[in-house]
Amino acid sequence: MSTDRRPIGCFDSGVGGLTVVRRLLELLPRESVQYFGDTARLPYGSKTRPTIIQFSIENTRWLVEQDVKAVVVACNTSTALALDAIRRKFDLPIIGVIEPGARAAARITRSGRVGVIATRATVGSRAYSHAIKKVSKKIEVFERSCPLFVPLAEEGWLEHPAALEVAREYLSPLKRHQVDTLVMGCTHYPLLRGVIQQVMGPGVKLIDSGEEAAGEAHRVLEMEGLLAPRGAVARHEFALSDVPGRFTEVGSRFLGQTLRKVRRVTHEDGAWRI
């Protein structure tokens, strides 16, 4: 079986994608990861589709220039609005976070009533709804944007009373719809799993779209003969288009380990450059 020591590329509009990297490192400990966060141009969720497509292609091009063997689009907004455009542009495996999460939700639901929480752009695209209904047209999908979850996660208010109050406000319509499965369709949201589960109750299964995407990456790399060989030493690199003052603190919380070396790249002539 063939193997490949090159890193897996992964990009997001900011730090949220580090929750996907965290799942990749847990599932694929031999794999190296090259991460790019487009922190200079976030948030993506409030931008137009053409702009999101442009930014996503530029991010992918930079990762390809770093000689990655596959790209995980660790951004629900980019996956929802730009995944097809990226796949048309680049000849390597491109893995999004929506289809794996949607398939997991369709597989797990027993009542046929699935909730999705995500950014306004992702909810507006109805990408999760379309992906779930590709699996089964009988499933009812109820979507809800939860924009305040992002700053709560970045502030570290994961169990703060304010987080619980916001979760109750956002999730009450989904409780009324009696969903039995809830997709966390934004990479920030898994950090708030505790309060989300508390509000939804123990009978509701939470789906981490990043975790499902990591599983999909494993499957695709294995199928394509691109997994790192036994004994490979993983080396991870993190790059940003801007380095906010608190990035190391916030990024370490998302990654689940200390984030040390981060380099900054700049945007010149339509491509990212160191």
Protein backbone atom coordinates (compact mmCIF):
# COMPACT_ATOMS: atom_id res chain seq x y z
CA MET A 1 0.00 0.00 0.00
CA SER A 2 1.39 3.41 -0.96
CA THR A 3 2.00 6.10 1.65
CA ASP A 4 2.61 9.85 1.67
CA ARG A 5 4.47 11.92 4.27
CA ARG A 6 3.21 15.28 2.99
CA PRO A 7 0.96 17.27 5.34
CA ILE A 8 -2.80 17.59 5.25
CA GLY A 9 -3.79 21.18 4.48
CA CYS A 10 -6.56 22.77 6.49
CA PHE A 11 -8.03 26.28 6.33
CA ASP A 12 -10.66 28.38 8.05
CA SER A 13 -11.52 32.05 8.25
CA GLY A 14 -9.99 32.18 11.73
CA VAL A 15 -9.32 30.05 14.80
CA GLY A 16 -12.45 27.86 14.71
CA GLY A 17 -10.91 25.40 12.29
CA LEU A 18 -8.45 24.40 15.00
CA THR A 19 -11.25 22.28 16.49
CA VAL A 20 -11.17 20.30 13.24
CA VAL A 21 -7.37 20.04 13.44
CA ARG A 22 -7.80 18.78 17.01
CA ARG A 23 -9.99 15.95 15.73
CA LEU A 24 -7.54 15.19 12.90
CA LEU A 25 -4.65 14.90 15.36
CA GLU A 26 -6.67 12.59 17.59
CA LEU A 27 -7.72 10.32 14.74
CA LEU A 28 -4.56 10.49 12.63
CA PRO A 29 -1.62 10.99 15.02
CA ARG A 30 1.00 10.18 12.35
CA GLU A 31 -0.26 12.88 9.98
CA SER A 32 1.33 16.32 9.72
CA VAL A 33 -0.99 19.32 9.34
CA GLN A 34 -0.46 22.68 7.64
CA TYR A 35 -3.11 25.08 8.96
CA PHE A 36 -4.04 28.46 7.50
CA GLY A 37 -6.39 30.89 9.24
CA ASP A 38 -7.54 33.90 7.22
CA THR A 39 -7.79 36.09 10.31
CA ALA A 40 -7.19 39.32 8.35
CA ARG A 41 -10.47 38.91 6.46
CA LEU A 42 -12.82 37.27 8.94
CA PRO A 43 -15.69 36.82 9.48
CA TYR A 44 -16.72 34.97 6.31
CA GLY A 45 -20.29 34.45 7.51
CA SER A 46 -21.35 38.01 6.68
CA LYS A 47 -19.73 38.18 3.21
CA THR A 48 -21.19 37.55 -0.24
CA ARG A 49 -20.91 34.23 -2.06
CA PRO A 50 -18.46 35.53 -4.75
CA THR A 51 -16.19 36.95 -2.05
CA ILE A 52 -16.24 33.72 -0.04
CA ILE A 53 -15.43 31.72 -3.20
CA GLN A 54 -12.53 34.07 -4.02
CA PHE A 55 -11.09 33.90 -0.51
CA SER A 56 -11.49 30.12 -0.32
CA ILE A 57 -9.70 29.56 -3.64
CA GLU A 58 -6.86 31.85 -2.57
CA ASN A 59 -6.50 29.98 0.73
CA THR A 60 -6.49 26.62 -1.04
CA ARG A 61 -3.93 27.84 -3.58
CA TRP A 62 -1.57 28.83 -0.76
CA LEU A 63 -1.93 25.41 0.87
CA VAL A 64 -1.27 23.69 -2.47
CA GLU A 65 1.91 25.78 -2.78
CA GLN A 66 2.98 24.27 0.57
CA ASP A 67 2.78 20.83 -1.11
CA VAL A 68 -0.12 19.42 0.90
CA LYS A 69 -1.61 16.09 -0.18
CA ALA A 70 -5.24 16.97 0.59
CA VAL A 71 -7.21 19.94 1.87
CA VAL A 72 -9.81 19.95 4.62
CA VAL A 73 -12.06 22.99 4.32
CA ALA A 74 -12.51 23.48 8.07
CA CYS A 75 -15.02 26.29 7.59
CA ASN A 76 -18.72 25.60 7.29
CA THR A 77 -19.32 28.85 5.38
CA SER A 78 -16.62 28.07 2.80
CA THR A 79 -17.86 24.49 2.52
CA ALA A 80 -21.43 25.66 2.01
CA LEU A 81 -20.66 28.29 -0.62
CA ALA A 82 -17.31 27.45 -2.21
CA LEU A 83 -16.60 23.70 -2.01
CA ASP A 84 -17.68 22.91 -5.58
CA ALA A 85 -15.62 25.82 -6.94
CA ILE A 86 -12.53 24.66 -5.02
CA ARG A 87 -12.93 21.09 -6.26
CA ARG A 88 -13.18 22.29 -9.86
CA LYS A 89 -10.03 24.38 -9.47
CA PHE A 90 -7.64 21.95 -7.77
CA ASP A 91 -6.69 18.36 -8.55
CA LEU A 92 -6.32 16.83 -5.08
CA PRO A 93 -8.76 15.53 -2.46
CA ILE A 94 -10.87 18.38 -1.03
CA ILE A 95 -12.90 17.49 2.07
CA GLY A 96 -15.62 19.72 3.47
CA VAL A 97 -17.31 19.64 6.85
CA ILE A 98 -20.96 19.65 5.76
CA GLU A 99 -21.48 16.37 3.89
CA PRO A 100 -19.87 14.18 6.62
CA GLY A 101 -21.90 15.91 9.34
CA ALA A 102 -25.10 15.64 7.32
CA ARG A 103 -24.59 11.92 6.68
CA ALA A 104 -23.97 11.30 10.38
CA ALA A 105 -27.16 13.16 11.33
CA ALA A 106 -29.23 11.26 8.78
CA ARG A 107 -27.81 7.96 10.04
CA ILE A 108 -28.36 8.68 13.74
CA THR A 109 -31.80 10.31 13.86
CA ARG A 110 -34.65 8.05 14.91
CA SER A 111 -37.50 10.55 14.79
CA GLY A 112 -36.53 12.01 11.40
CA ARG A 113 -36.30 15.49 12.96
CA VAL A 114 -32.82 17.03 12.76
CA GLY A 115 -31.67 20.43 13.99
CA VAL A 116 -28.74 22.41 12.58
CA ILE A 117 -27.04 25.37 14.27
CA ALA A 118 -24.58 27.42 12.22
CA THR A 119 -23.65 30.92 11.02
CA ARG A 120 -26.19 33.04 9.17
CA ALA A 121 -24.42 32.41 5.85
CA THR A 122 -24.43 28.63 6.32
CA VAL A 123 -28.06 28.61 7.42
CA GLY A 124 -28.99 30.91 4.52
CA SER A 125 -27.35 28.54 2.04
CA ARG A 126 -29.43 25.61 3.36
CA ALA A 127 -26.41 23.44 2.58
CA TYR A 128 -27.00 21.12 5.54
CA SER A 129 -30.67 20.74 4.69
CA HIS A 130 -29.85 19.83 1.08
CA ALA A 131 -27.09 17.41 2.14
CA ILE A 132 -29.31 15.66 4.70
CA LYS A 133 -32.19 15.35 2.25
CA LYS A 134 -29.83 13.78 -0.29
CA VAL A 135 -29.61 10.89 2.16
CA SER A 136 -33.32 10.82 3.00
CA LYS A 137 -36.05 13.13 1.73
CA LYS A 138 -38.21 12.05 4.69
CA ILE A 139 -36.04 13.83 7.25
CA GLU A 140 -37.27 17.22 8.46
CA VAL A 141 -34.47 19.74 9.01
CA PHE A 142 -34.77 22.78 11.28
CA GLU A 143 -31.94 25.32 11.05
CA ARG A 144 -31.01 28.13 13.42
CA SER A 145 -28.18 30.68 13.32
CA CYS A 146 -26.39 31.27 16.62
CA PRO A 147 -23.95 34.18 16.02
CA LEU A 148 -23.22 34.93 19.67
CA PHE A 149 -21.81 31.43 20.20
CA VAL A 150 -18.65 32.53 18.34
CA PRO A 151 -17.55 35.34 20.70
CA LEU A 152 -18.56 33.26 23.73
CA ALA A 153 -16.29 30.43 22.56
CA GLU A 154 -13.40 32.78 21.78
CA GLU A 155 -13.77 34.51 25.16
CA GLY A 156 -13.66 31.15 26.91
CA TRP A 157 -17.10 31.60 28.48
CA LEU A 158 -17.87 27.95 27.87
CA GLU A 159 -19.81 27.35 31.11
CA HIS A 160 -20.63 30.95 31.96
CA PRO A 161 -24.24 31.76 32.95
CA ALA A 162 -24.35 34.12 29.95
CA ALA A 163 -23.53 31.21 27.62
CA LEU A 164 -26.34 29.15 29.14
CA GLU A 165 -28.82 32.01 28.78
CA VAL A 166 -27.84 32.62 25.13
CA ALA A 167 -28.08 28.88 24.41
CA ARG A 168 -31.58 28.74 25.88
CA GLU A 169 -32.67 31.65 23.67
CA TYR A 170 -31.18 30.22 20.48
CA LEU A 171 -32.14 26.59 21.00
CA SER A 172 -35.71 26.93 22.30
CA PRO A 173 -37.24 26.76 18.77
CA LEU A 174 -35.35 23.53 18.09
CA LYS A 175 -36.61 22.07 21.36
CA ARG A 176 -40.16 22.98 20.32
CA HIS A 177 -39.59 21.12 17.05
CA GLN A 178 -38.55 18.08 19.14
CA VAL A 179 -35.38 17.32 17.19
CA ASP A 180 -33.54 14.23 18.39
CA THR A 181 -30.27 15.07 16.61
CA LEU A 182 -28.46 18.41 16.45
CA VAL A 183 -25.61 19.23 14.08
CA MET A 184 -23.11 21.76 15.42
CA GLY A 185 -22.48 23.32 12.03
CA CYS A 186 -19.83 25.86 13.03
CA THR A 187 -16.33 24.95 14.17
CA HIS A 188 -16.64 27.16 17.28
CA TYR A 189 -19.74 25.43 18.61
CA PRO A 190 -18.19 22.15 19.88
CA LEU A 191 -16.45 24.16 22.60
CA LEU A 192 -19.93 24.99 23.92
CA ARG A 193 -21.06 21.36 23.79
CA GLY A 194 -21.70 21.33 27.55
CA VAL A 195 -24.25 24.15 27.59
CA ILE A 196 -25.78 23.02 24.29
CA GLN A 197 -26.30 19.51 25.65
CA GLN A 198 -27.66 20.92 28.93
CA VAL A 199 -30.28 22.96 27.10
CA MET A 200 -31.24 20.30 24.55
CA GLY A 201 -31.32 17.48 27.11
CA PRO A 202 -29.65 14.06 27.25
CA GLY A 203 -31.99 12.55 24.66
CA VAL A 204 -30.61 14.71 21.84
CA LYS A 205 -27.50 13.48 20.03
CA LEU A 206 -24.98 16.21 19.17
CA ILE A 207 -23.04 15.90 15.90
CA ASP A 208 -19.61 17.56 15.69
CA SER A 209 -19.17 18.31 11.98
CA GLY A 210 -15.40 18.67 12.46
CA GLU A 211 -15.14 15.22 14.01
CA GLU A 212 -17.10 13.74 11.12
CA ALA A 213 -14.87 15.57 8.62
CA ALA A 214 -11.78 14.08 10.29
CA GLY A 215 -13.29 10.64 9.81
CA GLU A 216 -13.97 11.44 6.17
CA ALA A 217 -10.36 12.61 5.73
CA HIS A 218 -9.15 9.28 7.15
CA ARG A 219 -11.37 7.35 4.75
CA VAL A 220 -10.31 9.39 1.70
CA LEU A 221 -6.59 9.28 2.48
CA GLU A 222 -6.74 5.53 3.04
CA MET A 223 -8.66 4.98 -0.20
CA GLU A 224 -6.20 7.15 -2.18
CA GLY A 225 -3.11 5.56 -0.61
CA LEU A 226 -2.09 8.86 0.98
CA LEU A 227 -1.85 7.95 4.67
CA ALA A 228 1.49 8.65 6.36
CA PRO A 229 3.64 5.53 6.84
CA ARG A 230 4.13 3.78 10.16
CA GLY A 231 6.79 5.50 12.21
CA ALA A 232 6.18 8.88 10.57
CA VAL A 233 6.81 11.83 12.90
CA ALA A 234 4.04 14.41 12.66
CA ARG A 235 5.06 18.05 12.23
CA HIS A 236 2.40 20.74 12.41
CA GLU A 237 2.64 24.30 11.10
CA PHE A 238 0.22 27.15 11.68
CA ALA A 239 -0.04 30.24 9.51
CA LEU A 240 -2.34 33.26 9.67
CA SER A 241 -3.03 36.25 7.46
CA ASP A 242 -2.96 38.38 10.63
CA VAL A 243 -1.89 37.52 14.17
CA PRO A 244 -4.26 38.96 16.77
CA GLY A 245 -2.79 39.62 20.21
CA ARG A 246 -4.76 36.85 21.92
CA PHE A 247 -4.47 34.29 19.14
CA THR A 248 -2.11 31.96 20.99
CA GLU A 249 -4.40 31.89 24.03
CA VAL A 250 -7.60 31.40 22.04
CA GLY A 251 -6.01 29.03 19.53
CA SER A 252 -4.62 26.83 22.29
CA ARG A 253 -8.12 26.50 23.75
CA PHE A 254 -9.52 25.42 20.39
CA LEU A 255 -6.62 23.06 19.60
CA GLY A 256 -6.62 21.50 23.06
CA GLN A 257 -2.84 21.96 23.44
CA THR A 258 -0.37 24.81 23.57
CA LEU A 259 -0.07 26.59 20.25
CA ARG A 260 3.54 27.69 19.94
CA LYS A 261 4.98 28.70 16.60
CA VAL A 262 2.64 30.72 14.36
CA ARG A 263 3.81 32.53 11.24
CA ARG A 264 2.11 35.39 9.45
CA VAL A 265 1.66 35.55 5.69
CA THR A 266 0.51 38.54 3.64
CA HIS A 267 -1.67 38.88 0.58
CA GLU A 268 -0.02 40.27 -2.55
CA ASP A 269 -1.19 40.12 -6.15
CA GLY A 270 -4.03 37.69 -5.44
CA ALA A 271 -1.96 35.05 -3.65
CA TRP A 272 -0.71 34.60 -0.12
CA ARG A 273 2.99 35.17 0.40
CA ILE A 274 5.24 34.90 3.46
